């Protein structure tokens, strides 16, 4: 078992996710039950899978969609608090999450564009520091768990603001340590090993603190800090395997 965990912890996460997608039908069948539910597809299981870089979090990875806590929280917010699922809109999705990609693409009322610099599955190859889109183009922009990889995150934030329509909305989730008042970053930390030690993952360049929302505000956004799990019953938080206290940064272009 220790050897198995060591292998899982040292496989690069993109490859681990790809392996998990191949095994998805078998995992869903093996773990079927009624203890926990993935709200994205409505399927229920006796338990979810463990997942995490280094330190594994138990009961967080859905066997069917392979969603994590943050994905399910975002889905519930979009479903319950926005008109995303029925209002026509132009949407930009940076580095689209696999658990959302096919669903969002199938939604006929959306003009949906995916973009990334490296991913082979997106519509547009794009550098977040120099997006190939006109000003004021998109009603909604998703950019989740991307900014912690970007050295000049302020420039990236301003690019996201530029391509968003006035009054448009963006959701920009990041790994965040709310026990830190200030973001921790150090450009002298270069190696994957040191980045993992200091920032929690081999390809991260910072750990965002409470000041993340101010950084978004300084880039020009109006920011709502939405503690959405707080609006749900404790039974639903447990049933959907959410992380209590995770904040959704919901941003608007003035």
Protein backbone atom coordinates (compact mmCIF):
# COMPACT_ATOMS: atom_id res chain seq x y z
CA UNK A 1 0.00 0.00 0.00
CA UNK A 2 2.85 2.42 0.82
CA UNK A 3 4.43 1.73 -2.57
CA UNK A 4 1.07 2.35 -4.28
CA UNK A 5 0.66 5.70 -2.49
CA UNK A 6 4.24 6.69 -3.35
CA UNK A 7 3.58 6.01 -7.04
CA UNK A 8 0.33 8.02 -6.99
CA UNK A 9 1.97 10.95 -5.22
CA UNK A 10 4.80 11.11 -7.75
CA UNK A 11 2.86 10.75 -11.00
CA UNK A 12 2.40 14.20 -12.59
CA UNK A 13 -1.20 15.24 -12.03
CA UNK A 14 -2.17 15.61 -15.73
CA UNK A 15 -1.16 11.97 -16.31
CA UNK A 16 -2.90 10.83 -13.14
CA UNK A 17 -6.12 12.52 -14.24
CA UNK A 18 -5.82 10.94 -17.71
CA UNK A 19 -5.35 7.49 -16.14
CA UNK A 20 -8.36 8.13 -13.91
CA UNK A 21 -10.55 9.05 -16.90
CA UNK A 22 -9.72 5.73 -18.55
CA UNK A 23 -10.67 3.91 -15.34
CA UNK A 24 -13.78 6.02 -14.71
CA UNK A 25 -16.47 3.49 -15.72
CA UNK A 26 -14.90 0.81 -13.54
CA UNK A 27 -14.47 3.16 -10.57
CA UNK A 28 -18.08 4.34 -10.80
CA UNK A 29 -19.37 0.77 -10.90
CA UNK A 30 -17.13 -0.44 -8.07
CA UNK A 31 -18.02 2.47 -5.77
CA UNK A 32 -21.74 2.76 -6.53
CA UNK A 33 -23.87 3.45 -3.45
CA UNK A 34 -25.93 6.20 -1.87
CA UNK A 35 -23.74 7.90 0.75
CA UNK A 36 -22.36 10.74 -1.39
CA UNK A 37 -23.59 12.46 -4.56
CA UNK A 38 -21.82 14.32 -7.33
CA UNK A 39 -24.19 17.22 -8.15
CA UNK A 40 -22.65 17.60 -11.61
CA UNK A 41 -24.13 14.35 -12.93
CA UNK A 42 -26.38 13.36 -10.02
CA UNK A 43 -24.70 9.97 -9.49
CA UNK A 44 -24.20 8.60 -5.99
CA UNK A 45 -21.49 6.45 -4.43
CA UNK A 46 -20.59 4.74 -1.20
CA UNK A 47 -17.47 6.91 -1.10
CA UNK A 48 -15.38 9.23 -3.21
CA UNK A 49 -11.67 8.69 -3.96
CA UNK A 50 -8.68 10.22 -2.20
CA UNK A 51 -6.72 12.85 -4.09
CA UNK A 52 -4.02 15.46 -3.57
CA UNK A 53 -0.46 16.45 -4.35
CA UNK A 54 1.76 15.05 -1.60
CA UNK A 55 -0.77 14.85 1.22
CA UNK A 56 -3.85 12.97 -0.01
CA UNK A 57 -7.29 14.31 0.94
CA UNK A 58 -9.77 11.48 1.61
CA UNK A 59 -13.20 11.26 -0.03
CA UNK A 60 -12.85 14.17 -2.48
CA UNK A 61 -12.55 12.85 -6.07
CA UNK A 62 -15.84 11.88 -7.70
CA UNK A 63 -15.63 8.44 -9.37
CA UNK A 64 -17.89 9.56 -12.24
CA UNK A 65 -16.95 13.11 -13.28
CA UNK A 66 -13.59 13.18 -11.46
CA UNK A 67 -14.64 16.49 -9.98
CA UNK A 68 -13.04 17.82 -6.80
CA UNK A 69 -14.53 19.91 -4.01
CA UNK A 70 -13.93 23.19 -5.84
CA UNK A 71 -15.59 21.96 -9.04
CA UNK A 72 -18.74 20.85 -7.24
CA UNK A 73 -18.91 24.11 -5.28
CA UNK A 74 -18.65 26.11 -8.51
CA UNK A 75 -21.31 23.96 -10.18
CA UNK A 76 -23.74 24.49 -7.31
CA UNK A 77 -23.12 28.24 -7.32
CA UNK A 78 -23.69 28.47 -11.08
CA UNK A 79 -26.81 26.31 -10.90
CA UNK A 80 -28.42 27.95 -7.88
CA UNK A 81 -27.29 31.57 -8.03
CA UNK A 82 -26.79 32.49 -11.71
CA UNK A 83 -28.56 32.26 -15.07
CA UNK A 84 -25.60 30.42 -16.64
CA UNK A 85 -27.67 27.36 -17.56
CA UNK A 86 -30.34 29.17 -19.57
CA UNK A 87 -29.22 32.68 -20.60
CA UNK A 88 -27.40 33.12 -23.95
CA UNK A 89 -23.88 34.42 -23.32
CA UNK A 90 -20.37 34.47 -24.69
CA UNK A 91 -18.11 32.42 -22.41
CA UNK A 92 -14.32 32.13 -22.26
CA UNK A 93 -12.99 29.15 -20.33
CA UNK A 94 -9.25 29.23 -19.69
CA UNK A 95 -7.66 25.81 -19.09
CA UNK A 96 -11.08 24.11 -19.03
CA UNK A 97 -11.64 21.44 -16.41
CA UNK A 98 -12.43 18.00 -17.84
CA UNK A 99 -15.44 17.57 -15.57
CA UNK A 100 -17.08 20.62 -17.18
CA UNK A 101 -15.79 20.61 -20.75
CA UNK A 102 -18.22 18.29 -22.55
CA UNK A 103 -21.20 19.58 -20.54
CA UNK A 104 -20.53 23.24 -21.28
CA UNK A 105 -19.82 22.48 -24.95
CA UNK A 106 -23.20 20.79 -25.28
CA UNK A 107 -25.12 23.80 -23.94
CA UNK A 108 -26.57 25.30 -27.12
CA UNK A 109 -27.36 28.69 -25.63
CA UNK A 110 -23.67 29.35 -24.94
CA UNK A 111 -21.13 30.77 -27.37
CA UNK A 112 -18.40 28.82 -25.62
CA UNK A 113 -14.66 29.23 -26.29
CA UNK A 114 -11.89 27.30 -24.55
CA UNK A 115 -8.29 28.48 -24.48
CA UNK A 116 -4.92 27.42 -23.09
CA UNK A 117 -1.28 27.69 -24.04
CA UNK A 118 -0.47 23.99 -23.86
CA UNK A 119 -3.64 21.87 -23.80
CA UNK A 120 -4.36 19.97 -27.05
CA UNK A 121 -8.13 19.88 -26.40
CA UNK A 122 -8.93 23.61 -26.42
CA UNK A 123 -10.37 25.73 -29.23
CA UNK A 124 -7.69 28.42 -29.16
CA UNK A 125 -4.00 28.26 -28.24
CA UNK A 126 -3.58 31.35 -26.11
CA UNK A 127 -1.13 32.90 -23.66
CA UNK A 128 -3.04 34.37 -20.72
CA UNK A 129 -0.55 37.27 -20.70
CA UNK A 130 -1.49 38.19 -24.29
CA UNK A 131 -4.94 36.86 -25.12
CA UNK A 132 -5.87 36.85 -28.84
CA UNK A 133 -9.35 38.26 -28.24
CA UNK A 134 -10.81 41.72 -28.72
CA UNK A 135 -11.68 44.04 -25.87
CA UNK A 136 -15.07 43.66 -24.16
CA UNK A 137 -15.89 40.35 -25.85
CA UNK A 138 -17.08 37.89 -23.16
CA UNK A 139 -20.02 37.93 -20.75
CA UNK A 140 -18.42 35.32 -18.49
CA UNK A 141 -14.84 34.18 -17.99
CA UNK A 142 -13.71 31.09 -16.09
CA UNK A 143 -10.05 30.89 -15.11
CA UNK A 144 -9.66 28.42 -12.27
CA UNK A 145 -6.43 27.17 -10.73
CA UNK A 146 -4.36 28.98 -13.37
CA UNK A 147 -3.06 32.20 -11.79
CA UNK A 148 -0.93 30.37 -9.21
CA UNK A 149 1.16 29.12 -12.17
CA UNK A 150 1.73 32.58 -13.69
CA UNK A 151 4.72 34.71 -12.69
CA UNK A 152 3.09 38.01 -13.68
CA UNK A 153 -0.38 37.32 -12.33
CA UNK A 154 -1.30 41.02 -12.30
CA UNK A 155 -0.83 41.21 -16.07
CA UNK A 156 -2.89 38.04 -16.48
CA UNK A 157 -5.69 39.51 -14.36
CA UNK A 158 -5.70 42.67 -16.47
CA UNK A 159 -5.93 40.59 -19.65
CA UNK A 160 -8.94 38.74 -18.24
CA UNK A 161 -10.48 42.12 -17.39
CA UNK A 162 -9.76 43.49 -20.87
CA UNK A 163 -11.59 40.73 -22.75
CA UNK A 164 -14.62 40.81 -20.41
CA UNK A 165 -17.62 42.95 -21.28
CA UNK A 166 -18.49 45.83 -18.91
CA UNK A 167 -20.83 44.29 -16.36
CA UNK A 168 -19.47 40.83 -17.20
CA UNK A 169 -18.55 38.26 -14.59
CA UNK A 170 -15.50 36.11 -13.96
CA UNK A 171 -14.76 33.32 -11.52
CA UNK A 172 -11.07 32.83 -10.78
CA UNK A 173 -10.52 30.11 -8.19
CA UNK A 174 -7.01 29.55 -6.85
CA UNK A 175 -5.46 27.44 -4.11
CA UNK A 176 -5.67 29.79 -1.14
CA UNK A 177 -4.35 29.66 2.40
CA UNK A 178 -6.75 31.86 4.34
CA UNK A 179 -4.57 31.61 7.44
CA UNK A 180 -2.05 33.80 5.60
CA UNK A 181 -2.72 37.52 5.54
CA UNK A 182 -0.38 38.05 2.60
CA UNK A 183 0.45 35.99 -0.47
CA UNK A 184 3.74 34.13 -0.23
CA UNK A 185 5.94 34.24 -3.33
CA UNK A 186 9.66 34.29 -4.00
CA UNK A 187 11.09 34.49 -7.53
CA UNK A 188 14.33 32.91 -6.29
CA UNK A 189 12.53 29.61 -5.77
CA UNK A 190 13.09 27.91 -9.12
CA UNK A 191 13.29 24.12 -8.97
CA UNK A 192 10.22 21.86 -9.02
CA UNK A 193 11.33 20.35 -5.72
CA UNK A 194 11.61 23.72 -4.01
CA UNK A 195 8.33 24.94 -5.49
CA UNK A 196 6.58 21.85 -4.13
CA UNK A 197 8.14 22.46 -0.72
CA UNK A 198 7.27 26.15 -0.53
CA UNK A 199 4.12 26.49 -2.66
CA UNK A 200 2.53 23.07 -2.36
CA UNK A 201 3.03 21.91 -5.95
CA UNK A 202 5.98 21.58 -8.30
CA UNK A 203 4.62 24.06 -10.87
CA UNK A 204 3.16 26.74 -8.57
CA UNK A 205 4.91 30.08 -8.08
CA UNK A 206 3.02 31.35 -5.00
CA UNK A 207 0.57 30.58 -2.23
CA UNK A 208 -2.26 33.11 -2.23
CA UNK A 209 -3.35 34.55 1.09
CA UNK A 210 -6.27 36.70 2.21
CA UNK A 211 -4.96 39.51 -0.01
CA UNK A 212 -5.86 37.61 -3.20
CA UNK A 213 -9.15 39.49 -3.42
CA UNK A 214 -7.36 42.83 -3.09
CA UNK A 215 -4.99 41.81 -5.88
CA UNK A 216 -8.00 41.19 -8.11
CA UNK A 217 -9.42 44.55 -7.06
CA UNK A 218 -6.13 46.31 -7.83
CA UNK A 219 -6.31 44.81 -11.35
CA UNK A 220 -9.65 46.55 -11.84
CA UNK A 221 -12.33 44.06 -10.78
CA UNK A 222 -15.15 44.49 -8.31
CA UNK A 223 -14.86 41.35 -6.19
CA UNK A 224 -17.42 39.41 -4.18
CA UNK A 225 -15.91 36.95 -1.69
CA UNK A 226 -18.58 34.25 -1.74
CA UNK A 227 -18.43 31.66 1.04
CA UNK A 228 -20.99 29.53 -0.76
CA UNK A 229 -20.77 26.38 1.33
CA UNK A 230 -22.02 28.54 4.23
CA UNK A 231 -25.35 28.94 2.45
CA UNK A 232 -25.86 25.17 2.25
CA UNK A 233 -26.99 22.83 5.00
CA UNK A 234 -24.33 20.74 6.75
CA UNK A 235 -26.04 17.65 5.32
CA UNK A 236 -25.58 18.90 1.74
CA UNK A 237 -21.97 19.94 2.38
CA UNK A 238 -21.27 16.40 3.54
CA UNK A 239 -23.36 14.73 0.82
CA UNK A 240 -21.59 16.65 -1.97
CA UNK A 241 -18.14 16.31 -0.32
CA UNK A 242 -17.45 20.04 -0.29
CA UNK A 243 -14.71 21.92 1.55
CA UNK A 244 -16.24 24.13 4.23
CA UNK A 245 -15.10 27.73 4.08
CA UNK A 246 -13.75 27.67 0.52
CA UNK A 247 -14.25 31.13 -0.97
CA UNK A 248 -15.45 31.69 -4.53
CA UNK A 249 -13.85 34.84 -5.97
CA UNK A 250 -16.69 36.20 -8.13
CA UNK A 251 -15.41 39.17 -10.12
CA UNK A 252 -17.22 41.82 -12.12
CA UNK A 253 -15.97 44.34 -14.67
CA UNK A 254 -17.22 47.83 -13.81
